[in-house]
Amino acid sequence: MRIPLLSDPQDLKIILRDLGLLVPVVGMMAVLSLVVPAVFNEPYAFLPLVITAVVSFGLGIGLYLPFRNAGETKLKHGMVIAAFGWLLIAMLGALPFILTAVFAQERGVASTSLLHFRDPASAFFESISGYTGTGLTMAARADLLPKTIQWWRSFIEWIGGMGVIVLMLTILAGPRPGAAKYSLYYAEARGEKIHPSIVSTLRTMWWIFLLYTFISVIALWGAGMPIWDALNHAMTGISTGGFSITANSIASYNSVAIELVLLPIMIFGAISFAVHYELMRGNGAILIKDVQTRWLLILLAAGSLFLALENGLSMGPLRALRDSGFQFISAMTCTGFQTADIGGWSDTAKLLLAAGMMFGGAAGSTAGGIKIIRMIILMKGVQWRFRRIVSPRGAIVPFRIGPTVVDPAEVGQRLEDASLITFLWLVFLGLGVIVLLHTSPAQFSLSDVIFEVASAQGNVGLSVGITSPAMPTLSKLALSFNMWIGRLEIIPVLMLIRAIFFGIQ
């Protein structure tokens, strides 16, 4: 049986050509990472990075050169390239985990935590969790991992927060026409444009991202983190990824100062790059004027307060406010840093956190979830519909999002897009819950399973304890699928599935 995707040579050539441009991103990351095993004297981790680079560059050349003169990339191609490309990147990104575990074991220096990565499913899980900015981990004790693997986890989250296609387009901006750039940019669940030019937008986004990462490193170091810890947590914090290099995430520090520094880092990671650009131009009022940012701050405050009230009787008011505020902000910004044992919280508290993870951060940020702007559109849509019902026949009822009045011709499209993504998000959440219910240990409740799947699909990383190296392979693959579709906002994944069975049309 012939796969329909392979029936159109021209479409296939375009897809393979652009995948050939994408996969060397992992090779470049591996080359840049070679300094880490050299500095920390981890020779067994040097060769895995070299092999990863060689495989990535070799695969890239093999895909690109034969089809370098293929046609222009269109949106239908971009969706397939994004969906399959992220899987391919995650597979390549798993190589350092697997190979370092193998070589370290041969030298007799592998910890139990590192040896878990000899399982390809665990290594792939860790890689896709990193690249999607999720933060669920197979590392039972991240503090016992080699420095090279600690760095690789943080680095893939930092790159994944911005997006591997965004990085590829930034590096290879020159030869690609504007329409092709935007097709790939949009397919990776990006739509914001700070400048009219995609290239200028990408450069500005990277400049903002680098600046905030540097500031975060200095702030965390000043709050008491060792410099290595500060570097890693700054990278995974501003990218709203959440990987940690300690045994118990941020709880290991038990420091109010560090938690207070991390709060604005996580929040800034969940704010649109367009808003950050305005902030850097001196427009501080944008934090209130921008409807997404305003609602993000309101929901973070309200959710933290409700969660603190729920936890108040069991842990006291001050501790409840500290732990609940940090956990809810970590959940809604989709960061995943953890300072408390959420597994011991009430079902209501877990569901409140799950709701925050589903809402997510602002569109145009590094955060996951359904996105606040879609929730605003749906809420405004309900209000707008009721106002139309009670208004006189023929009356003009404006549809407003903040101060902006949406063109009547676009209202239906806005509501349709928001409704479709929200519906699909909930459908795949439900499917993930069904799979995990049948593969998780009996001691975990329905609320635990909903929480874990919402954390994966929202690209958050908080866990009630279900995610572990001992979980069945099917559970690992199911949560990997949820992380994948959550990062790409579902449509590109459905386009890939459609292309496989029906071709690109």
Protein backbone atom coordinates (compact mmCIF):
# COMPACT_ATOMS: atom_id res chain seq x y z
CA MET A 1 0.00 0.00 0.00
CA ARG A 2 1.45 3.32 -1.06
CA ILE A 3 1.39 6.21 1.43
CA PRO A 4 -0.51 9.14 -0.16
CA LEU A 5 2.11 11.59 1.12
CA LEU A 6 4.63 9.91 -1.19
CA SER A 7 2.37 10.12 -4.25
CA ASP A 8 3.21 13.75 -5.07
CA PRO A 9 6.98 14.01 -5.68
CA GLN A 10 6.99 17.81 -5.69
CA ASP A 11 5.36 18.15 -2.26
CA LEU A 12 7.63 15.47 -0.85
CA LYS A 13 10.75 17.19 -2.21
CA ILE A 14 9.76 20.49 -0.57
CA ILE A 15 9.18 18.77 2.76
CA LEU A 16 12.44 16.81 2.65
CA ARG A 17 14.39 19.91 1.54
CA ASP A 18 13.15 21.95 4.52
CA LEU A 19 13.65 19.08 6.95
CA GLY A 20 17.22 19.01 5.68
CA LEU A 21 17.57 22.64 6.74
CA LEU A 22 15.96 21.98 10.12
CA VAL A 23 17.80 18.95 11.52
CA PRO A 24 21.29 20.56 11.57
CA VAL A 25 19.96 22.75 14.40
CA VAL A 26 20.61 19.80 16.72
CA GLY A 27 24.11 19.42 15.27
CA MET A 28 24.90 23.09 15.92
CA MET A 29 23.62 22.73 19.49
CA ALA A 30 25.82 19.67 20.00
CA VAL A 31 28.91 21.47 18.69
CA LEU A 32 28.29 24.45 20.96
CA SER A 33 27.84 22.07 23.90
CA LEU A 34 31.25 20.43 23.46
CA VAL A 35 32.77 23.01 25.78
CA VAL A 36 30.82 21.59 28.75
CA PRO A 37 32.44 18.11 28.94
CA ALA A 38 35.79 19.78 28.31
CA VAL A 39 35.37 22.23 31.21
CA PHE A 40 33.92 19.69 33.65
CA ASN A 41 36.25 16.82 32.64
CA GLU A 42 33.58 14.44 31.39
CA PRO A 43 35.33 12.72 28.46
CA TYR A 44 32.65 10.02 28.21
CA ALA A 45 30.15 12.77 27.28
CA PHE A 46 32.33 14.29 24.55
CA LEU A 47 31.91 11.58 21.90
CA PRO A 48 28.08 11.42 22.23
CA LEU A 49 27.89 15.11 21.30
CA VAL A 50 30.26 14.57 18.37
CA ILE A 51 28.18 11.63 17.13
CA THR A 52 25.00 13.68 17.50
CA ALA A 53 26.54 16.50 15.46
CA VAL A 54 27.78 14.15 12.72
CA VAL A 55 24.41 12.37 12.45
CA SER A 56 22.49 15.66 12.40
CA PHE A 57 24.68 17.34 9.79
CA GLY A 58 24.86 14.17 7.71
CA LEU A 59 21.09 13.73 7.74
CA GLY A 60 20.63 17.39 6.91
CA ILE A 61 22.95 17.22 3.92
CA GLY A 62 21.36 13.98 2.75
CA LEU A 63 17.90 15.53 2.81
CA TYR A 64 18.74 18.99 1.51
CA LEU A 65 21.19 18.56 -1.35
CA PRO A 66 19.09 16.30 -3.63
CA PHE A 67 16.05 18.60 -3.32
CA ARG A 68 17.62 22.04 -2.88
CA ASN A 69 15.86 23.35 -6.00
CA ALA A 70 12.39 22.22 -4.94
CA GLY A 71 9.56 24.76 -5.06
CA GLU A 72 8.38 27.34 -2.56
CA THR A 73 7.21 26.26 0.86
CA LYS A 74 3.50 26.90 1.35
CA LEU A 75 1.44 26.72 4.53
CA LYS A 76 0.29 23.16 3.79
CA HIS A 77 3.94 22.11 3.60
CA GLY A 78 4.89 24.16 6.64
CA MET A 79 2.36 22.35 8.82
CA VAL A 80 3.74 18.93 7.87
CA ILE A 81 7.35 20.11 8.21
CA ALA A 82 6.67 21.51 11.68
CA ALA A 83 4.86 18.42 12.93
CA PHE A 84 7.30 15.82 11.60
CA GLY A 85 10.32 18.08 12.11
CA TRP A 86 9.72 18.37 15.85
CA LEU A 87 9.56 14.59 16.14
CA LEU A 88 12.78 14.25 14.16
CA ILE A 89 14.50 16.91 16.27
CA ALA A 90 13.42 15.12 19.45
CA MET A 91 14.79 11.81 18.14
CA LEU A 92 18.16 13.40 17.37
CA GLY A 93 18.11 15.24 20.69
CA ALA A 94 17.73 11.90 22.47
CA LEU A 95 21.12 10.68 21.20
CA PRO A 96 23.26 12.47 23.85
CA PHE A 97 21.10 10.96 26.60
CA ILE A 98 21.38 7.40 25.28
CA LEU A 99 25.05 7.52 24.26
CA THR A 100 26.27 9.30 27.40
CA ALA A 101 24.50 6.67 29.53
CA VAL A 102 26.13 3.87 27.53
CA PHE A 103 29.64 5.34 27.57
CA ALA A 104 29.44 6.33 31.24
CA GLN A 105 28.35 2.82 32.17
CA GLU A 106 31.31 1.37 30.28
CA ARG A 107 33.62 3.58 32.34
CA GLY A 108 31.80 2.68 35.56
CA VAL A 109 30.81 6.27 36.37
CA ALA A 110 27.08 6.19 35.55
CA SER A 111 24.55 7.03 38.24
CA THR A 112 21.22 5.20 38.38
CA SER A 113 19.50 8.36 37.15
CA LEU A 114 21.72 8.45 34.07
CA LEU A 115 21.27 4.75 33.35
CA HIS A 116 17.52 5.27 32.92
CA PHE A 117 18.36 7.00 29.64
CA ARG A 118 19.63 3.75 28.15
CA ASP A 119 15.95 3.10 27.49
CA PRO A 120 15.23 4.83 24.13
CA ALA A 121 11.64 5.62 25.25
CA SER A 122 12.96 7.45 28.33
CA ALA A 123 15.58 9.31 26.30
CA PHE A 124 13.01 10.33 23.69
CA PHE A 125 10.60 11.40 26.45
CA GLU A 126 13.28 13.60 28.01
CA SER A 127 14.20 15.10 24.66
CA ILE A 128 10.69 15.93 23.53
CA SER A 129 9.87 17.22 27.00
CA GLY A 130 12.83 19.56 26.67
CA TYR A 131 12.24 20.76 23.14
CA THR A 132 8.52 21.33 23.78
CA GLY A 133 9.35 23.28 26.93
CA THR A 134 7.39 20.89 29.13
CA GLY A 135 9.77 19.79 31.86
CA LEU A 136 8.33 16.41 32.82
CA THR A 137 11.40 14.29 33.39
CA MET A 138 12.75 10.75 33.52
CA ALA A 139 15.63 11.96 35.72
CA ALA A 140 14.83 10.63 39.20
CA ARG A 141 17.75 12.65 40.61
CA ALA A 142 18.78 15.43 38.23
CA ASP A 143 21.51 16.50 40.65
CA LEU A 144 23.31 13.18 40.02
CA LEU A 145 23.40 13.61 36.25
CA PRO A 146 26.67 14.63 34.56
CA LYS A 147 27.06 18.36 33.99
CA THR A 148 26.91 17.74 30.23
CA ILE A 149 23.47 16.16 30.49
CA GLN A 150 22.29 18.86 32.89
CA TRP A 151 23.36 21.43 30.33
CA TRP A 152 21.84 19.54 27.39
CA ARG A 153 18.47 19.40 29.17
CA SER A 154 18.55 23.14 29.85
CA PHE A 155 19.83 23.99 26.39
CA ILE A 156 17.15 22.06 24.51
CA GLU A 157 14.47 23.73 26.66
CA TRP A 158 15.94 27.15 26.01
CA ILE A 159 16.01 26.58 22.26
CA GLY A 160 12.62 24.85 22.33
CA GLY A 161 11.05 27.79 24.13
CA MET A 162 11.69 29.97 21.12
CA GLY A 163 11.22 27.14 18.64
CA VAL A 164 13.62 25.14 16.49
CA ILE A 165 12.04 26.47 13.30
CA VAL A 166 12.41 30.03 14.60
CA LEU A 167 16.11 29.35 15.14
CA MET A 168 16.45 27.78 11.70
CA LEU A 169 14.77 30.75 10.03
CA THR A 170 16.96 33.18 11.99
CA ILE A 171 20.14 31.47 10.81
CA LEU A 172 19.02 30.81 7.23
CA ALA A 173 16.90 33.91 6.68
CA GLY A 174 18.60 35.10 3.53
CA PRO A 175 17.67 32.74 0.69
CA ARG A 176 14.04 32.14 1.65
CA PRO A 177 11.19 34.28 0.25
CA GLY A 178 8.94 36.07 2.74
CA ALA A 179 5.90 33.87 2.14
CA ALA A 180 7.92 30.72 2.77
CA LYS A 181 9.36 32.12 5.99
CA TYR A 182 5.94 33.02 7.30
CA SER A 183 4.51 29.60 6.38
CA LEU A 184 7.09 27.85 8.54
CA TYR A 185 6.92 30.51 11.27
CA TYR A 186 3.13 30.23 11.51
CA ALA A 187 3.20 26.43 11.37
CA GLU A 188 5.27 26.35 14.56
CA ALA A 189 2.35 27.95 16.47
CA ARG A 190 3.81 31.44 16.03
CA GLY A 191 1.83 34.34 14.65
CA GLU A 192 3.07 37.52 16.31
CA LYS A 193 4.94 40.07 14.22
CA ILE A 194 6.82 42.82 16.05
CA HIS A 195 7.99 44.26 12.73
CA PRO A 196 6.53 43.92 9.21
CA SER A 197 9.50 41.74 8.27
CA ILE A 198 9.69 38.19 9.64
CA VAL A 199 13.50 38.44 9.75
CA SER A 200 13.40 41.64 11.83
CA THR A 201 10.79 40.08 14.12
CA LEU A 202 12.94 37.00 14.68
CA ARG A 203 16.05 39.02 15.45
CA THR A 204 14.19 41.23 17.90
CA MET A 205 12.70 38.20 19.64
CA TRP A 206 16.12 36.60 20.06
CA TRP A 207 17.60 39.85 21.34
CA ILE A 208 14.86 40.12 23.97
CA PHE A 209 15.24 36.45 24.89
CA LEU A 210 19.01 36.69 25.31
CA LEU A 211 18.77 39.86 27.38
CA TYR A 212 16.18 38.40 29.75
CA THR A 213 18.22 35.21 30.10
CA PHE A 214 21.31 37.22 31.08
CA ILE A 215 19.34 39.32 33.58
CA SER A 216 17.80 36.16 35.04
CA VAL A 217 21.23 34.56 35.55
CA ILE A 218 22.49 37.59 37.45
CA ALA A 219 19.31 37.89 39.53
CA LEU A 220 19.30 34.21 40.56
CA TRP A 221 23.01 34.30 41.35
CA GLY A 222 22.43 37.37 43.50
CA ALA A 223 19.58 35.57 45.30
CA GLY A 224 21.93 32.81 46.41
CA MET A 225 22.04 30.22 43.65
CA PRO A 226 25.45 28.90 42.62
CA ILE A 227 26.38 30.25 39.19
CA TRP A 228 25.92 26.88 37.43
CA ASP A 229 22.47 26.50 38.96
CA ALA A 230 21.61 30.10 38.10
CA LEU A 231 22.59 29.61 34.45
CA ASN A 232 20.51 26.47 34.04
CA HIS A 233 17.45 27.73 35.91
CA ALA A 234 17.56 31.07 34.10
CA MET A 235 17.48 29.25 30.75
CA THR A 236 14.63 26.93 31.74
CA GLY A 237 12.77 29.67 33.60
CA ILE A 238 12.59 32.35 30.92
CA SER A 239 11.73 29.67 28.35
CA THR A 240 8.95 28.46 30.68
CA GLY A 241 10.44 24.99 30.45
CA GLY A 242 11.00 24.00 34.07
CA PHE A 243 13.82 21.47 33.96
CA SER A 244 15.89 21.69 37.14
CA ILE A 245 19.34 20.37 38.02
CA THR A 246 18.46 19.65 41.65
CA ALA A 247 16.89 16.64 43.34
CA ASN A 248 13.56 18.35 44.10
CA SER A 249 13.32 21.26 41.68
CA ILE A 250 13.22 24.67 43.42
CA ALA A 251 12.17 23.06 46.71
CA SER A 252 15.79 21.94 47.10
CA TYR A 253 16.84 25.52 47.86
CA ASN A 254 14.07 26.28 50.39
CA SER A 255 14.77 29.96 49.74
CA VAL A 256 12.15 32.71 49.72
CA ALA A 257 14.61 35.00 47.91
CA ILE A 258 15.11 32.54 45.04
CA GLU A 259 11.37 31.94 44.74
CA LEU A 260 10.69 35.69 44.64
CA VAL A 261 13.25 36.13 41.87
CA LEU A 262 11.78 33.25 39.87
CA LEU A 263 8.22 34.63 39.99
CA PRO A 264 8.86 37.56 37.61
CA ILE A 265 11.08 35.37 35.42
CA MET A 266 8.24 32.89 34.94
CA ILE A 267 5.67 35.66 34.41
CA PHE A 268 7.85 37.45 31.86
CA GLY A 269 8.26 34.17 29.98
CA ALA A 270 4.47 33.97 29.64
CA ILE A 271 4.09 37.52 28.26
CA SER A 272 4.08 38.16 24.51
CA PHE A 273 7.34 39.25 22.88
CA ALA A 274 5.46 42.16 21.33
CA VAL A 275 4.66 43.44 24.83
CA HIS A 276 8.30 43.04 25.88
CA TYR A 277 9.34 45.07 22.85
CA GLU A 278 7.03 47.88 23.91
CA LEU A 279 8.39 47.67 27.47
CA MET A 280 11.92 48.11 26.17
CA ARG A 281 10.79 51.18 24.29
CA GLY A 282 9.69 52.69 27.61
CA ASN A 283 5.97 51.96 27.31
CA GLY A 284 5.33 50.52 30.80
CA ALA A 285 1.60 51.11 30.49
CA ILE A 286 1.42 48.27 27.94
CA LEU A 287 1.26 45.81 30.85
CA ILE A 288 -2.21 47.14 31.63
CA LYS A 289 -3.31 48.24 28.16
CA ASP A 290 -2.57 44.90 26.50
CA VAL A 291 -5.65 42.76 27.08
CA GLN A 292 -3.74 39.45 27.23
CA THR A 293 -1.19 40.70 29.74
CA ARG A 294 -3.84 42.36 31.88
CA TRP A 295 -5.90 39.17 32.08
CA LEU A 296 -2.77 37.07 32.68
CA LEU A 297 -1.90 39.16 35.74
CA ILE A 298 -5.51 39.13 36.99
CA LEU A 299 -5.83 35.36 36.60
CA LEU A 300 -2.45 34.72 38.23
CA ALA A 301 -3.46 36.77 41.26
CA ALA A 302 -6.96 35.29 41.50
CA GLY A 303 -5.79 31.70 40.99
CA SER A 304 -3.05 32.07 43.60
CA LEU A 305 -5.56 33.46 46.09
CA PHE A 306 -8.17 30.73 45.52
CA LEU A 307 -5.50 28.02 45.74
CA ALA A 308 -4.14 29.54 48.96
CA LEU A 309 -7.65 29.51 50.45
CA GLU A 310 -8.04 25.86 49.47
CA ASN A 311 -4.68 24.94 51.06
CA GLY A 312 -4.95 27.29 54.04
CA LEU A 313 -6.40 24.84 56.56
CA SER A 314 -3.89 22.08 55.80
CA MET A 315 -0.68 24.12 55.86
CA GLY A 316 -1.36 27.47 57.53
CA PRO A 317 -1.98 30.87 55.86
CA LEU A 318 1.60 32.00 55.23
CA ARG A 319 2.86 28.67 53.94
CA ALA A 320 -0.31 28.27 51.87
CA LEU A 321 0.16 31.68 50.27
CA ARG A 322 3.84 31.01 49.50
CA ASP A 323 3.43 27.49 48.09
CA SER A 324 0.10 28.12 46.35
CA GLY A 325 1.23 31.36 44.74
CA PHE A 326 4.45 29.85 43.41
CA GLN A 327 2.77 26.66 42.17
CA PHE A 328 -0.13 28.45 40.47
CA ILE A 329 2.15 30.94 38.72
CA SER A 330 4.43 28.06 37.70
CA ALA A 331 1.37 26.18 36.36
CA MET A 332 -0.33 28.98 34.45
CA THR A 333 2.89 30.33 32.96
CA CYS A 334 3.58 26.70 31.94
CA THR A 335 7.01 26.75 33.57
CA GLY A 336 6.81 23.74 35.86
CA PHE A 337 9.19 24.70 38.67
CA GLN A 338 8.00 23.01 41.85
CA THR A 339 8.38 23.92 45.53
CA ALA A 340 5.77 21.61 47.08
CA ASP A 341 4.60 18.01 46.98
CA ILE A 342 1.49 18.50 44.85
CA GLY A 343 0.66 14.80 45.06
CA GLY A 344 -0.45 15.32 48.66
CA TRP A 345 -2.75 18.24 47.87
CA SER A 346 -6.54 17.95 47.69
CA ASP A 347 -8.34 17.03 44.47
CA THR A 348 -9.74 20.57 44.32
CA ALA A 349 -6.26 22.07 44.53
CA LYS A 350 -5.00 19.79 41.76
CA LEU A 351 -7.92 20.68 39.51
CA LEU A 352 -7.35 24.41 40.13
CA LEU A 353 -3.76 23.95 39.01
CA ALA A 354 -4.92 21.89 36.02
CA ALA A 355 -7.27 24.73 35.02
CA GLY A 356 -4.35 27.17 35.14
CA MET A 357 -2.26 24.84 32.98
CA MET A 358 -5.05 24.56 30.43
CA PHE A 359 -5.48 28.35 30.22
CA GLY A 360 -1.75 28.87 29.77
CA GLY A 361 0.05 32.11 29.02
CA ALA A 362 -0.21 34.75 26.32
CA ALA A 363 -0.08 33.99 22.62
CA GLY A 364 3.29 35.11 21.28
CA SER A 365 5.15 34.01 24.43
CA THR A 366 7.11 30.86 25.26
CA ALA A 367 4.22 29.51 27.37
CA GLY A 368 1.90 26.67 26.38
CA GLY A 369 -1.76 25.92 27.09
CA ILE A 370 -4.80 26.96 25.11
CA LYS A 371 -3.64 30.59 25.43
CA ILE A 372 -5.38 33.46 27.18
CA ILE A 373 -6.39 35.29 24.01
CA ARG A 374 -8.52 32.32 22.91
CA MET A 375 -10.24 32.19 26.27
CA ILE A 376 -10.90 35.93 26.03
CA ILE A 377 -12.36 35.54 22.54
CA LEU A 378 -14.67 32.75 23.70
CA MET A 379 -15.81 34.74 26.73
CA LYS A 380 -16.39 37.83 24.62
CA GLY A 381 -18.18 35.66 22.06
CA VAL A 382 -20.72 34.52 24.65
CA GLN A 383 -21.30 38.12 25.76
CA TRP A 384 -21.58 39.28 22.15
CA ARG A 385 -24.09 36.57 21.31
CA PHE A 386 -26.35 37.46 24.24
CA ARG A 387 -26.16 41.16 23.38
CA ARG A 388 -27.21 40.38 19.81
CA ILE A 389 -30.18 38.36 21.08
CA VAL A 390 -31.50 41.21 23.27
CA SER A 391 -30.68 44.02 20.81
CA PRO A 392 -33.28 45.33 18.33
CA ARG A 393 -33.30 43.67 14.90
CA GLY A 394 -30.73 45.28 12.63
CA ALA A 395 -28.81 46.89 15.49
CA ILE A 396 -25.01 46.94 15.12
CA VAL A 397 -23.41 45.10 18.05
CA PRO A 398 -19.63 45.63 18.06
CA PHE A 399 -17.32 42.78 19.03
CA ARG A 400 -14.55 44.19 21.21
CA ILE A 401 -11.31 42.67 22.39
CA GLY A 402 -9.95 45.24 24.79
CA PRO A 403 -10.16 48.65 23.11
CA THR A 404 -10.14 47.09 19.63
CA VAL A 405 -13.36 46.63 17.68
CA VAL A 406 -13.08 43.54 15.49
CA ASP A 407 -14.20 43.91 11.89
CA PRO A 408 -17.66 42.24 11.61
CA ALA A 409 -16.36 40.14 8.71
CA GLU A 410 -13.65 38.67 10.98
CA VAL A 411 -15.76 37.92 14.05
CA GLY A 412 -16.89 34.51 12.82
CA GLN A 413 -13.34 33.51 11.91
CA ARG A 414 -11.97 34.58 15.30
CA LEU A 415 -14.64 32.62 17.17
CA GLU A 416 -14.24 29.62 14.91
CA ASP A 417 -10.47 29.45 15.39
CA ALA A 418 -10.69 29.83 19.18
CA SER A 419 -13.52 27.28 19.46
CA LEU A 420 -11.78 24.75 17.22
CA ILE A 421 -8.47 24.80 19.09
CA THR A 422 -10.19 24.71 22.49
CA PHE A 423 -12.42 21.80 21.43
CA LEU A 424 -9.51 19.80 19.98
CA TRP A 425 -7.38 20.59 23.03
CA LEU A 426 -10.03 19.12 25.32
CA VAL A 427 -10.58 16.10 23.05
CA PHE A 428 -6.91 15.14 23.09
CA LEU A 429 -6.74 15.86 26.81
CA GLY A 430 -9.55 13.33 27.26
CA LEU A 431 -7.82 10.74 25.07
CA GLY A 432 -4.61 11.15 27.04
CA VAL A 433 -6.50 10.74 30.31
CA ILE A 434 -8.08 7.49 29.07
CA VAL A 435 -4.69 6.03 28.09
CA LEU A 436 -3.01 7.07 31.34
CA LEU A 437 -5.91 5.76 33.45
CA HIS A 438 -5.31 2.30 31.97
CA THR A 439 -1.52 2.36 32.32
CA SER A 440 -0.92 4.16 35.64
CA PRO A 441 -0.66 2.51 39.07
CA ALA A 442 -3.99 2.13 40.88
CA GLN A 443 -3.05 4.51 43.71
CA PHE A 444 -3.38 7.53 41.41
CA SER A 445 -6.84 9.06 41.25
CA LEU A 446 -8.70 10.53 38.29
CA SER A 447 -7.71 14.04 39.39
CA ASP A 448 -4.05 12.92 39.45
CA VAL A 449 -4.31 11.59 35.89
CA ILE A 450 -6.09 14.71 34.61
CA PHE A 451 -3.39 16.82 36.25
CA GLU A 452 -0.53 14.85 34.68
CA VAL A 453 -2.00 14.88 31.16
CA ALA A 454 -2.88 18.59 31.43
CA SER A 455 0.70 19.23 32.53
CA ALA A 456 2.05 17.36 29.51
CA GLN A 457 -0.31 18.85 26.93
CA GLY A 458 -0.02 22.33 28.43
CA ASN A 459 3.78 21.99 28.24
CA VAL A 460 4.04 22.71 31.96
CA GLY A 461 6.00 19.97 33.72
CA LEU A 462 4.44 19.89 37.19
CA SER A 463 3.86 16.32 38.36
CA VAL A 464 1.93 14.48 41.04
CA GLY A 465 4.34 11.55 40.77
CA ILE A 466 2.96 9.60 37.83
CA THR A 467 5.82 10.52 35.52
CA SER A 468 8.84 8.39 36.39
CA PRO A 469 11.39 6.11 34.69
CA ALA A 470 9.35 3.10 35.90
CA MET A 471 6.18 4.06 34.03
CA PRO A 472 5.17 1.78 31.14
CA THR A 473 6.48 2.57 27.67
CA LEU A 474 2.93 3.19 26.46
CA SER A 475 2.48 5.87 29.14
CA LYS A 476 5.75 7.52 28.10
CA LEU A 477 4.72 7.57 24.45
CA ALA A 478 1.20 8.80 25.28
CA LEU A 479 2.51 11.74 27.32
CA SER A 480 5.11 12.43 24.61
CA PHE A 481 2.25 12.66 22.13
CA ASN A 482 0.40 15.10 24.39
CA MET A 483 3.53 17.25 24.74
CA TRP A 484 4.02 17.25 20.97
CA ILE A 485 0.50 18.28 20.03
CA GLY A 486 0.39 20.81 22.86
CA ARG A 487 3.52 22.59 21.65
CA LEU A 488 2.33 22.71 18.02
CA GLU A 489 -1.27 23.55 18.98
CA ILE A 490 -2.70 20.41 17.37
CA ILE A 491 -3.47 21.59 13.80
CA PRO A 492 -0.01 20.80 12.31
CA VAL A 493 -0.17 17.31 13.85
CA LEU A 494 -3.60 16.71 12.32
CA MET A 495 -2.28 18.00 9.00
CA LEU A 496 0.59 15.47 9.18
CA ILE A 497 -1.82 12.63 9.92
CA ARG A 498 -4.09 13.79 7.09
CA ALA A 499 -1.13 14.00 4.69
CA ILE A 500 -0.06 10.45 5.54
CA PHE A 501 -3.49 9.01 4.81
CA PHE A 502 -4.84 11.38 2.17
CA GLY A 503 -1.85 13.31 0.81
CA ILE A 504 -1.22 17.06 0.77
CA GLN A 505 -4.01 18.86 -1.04
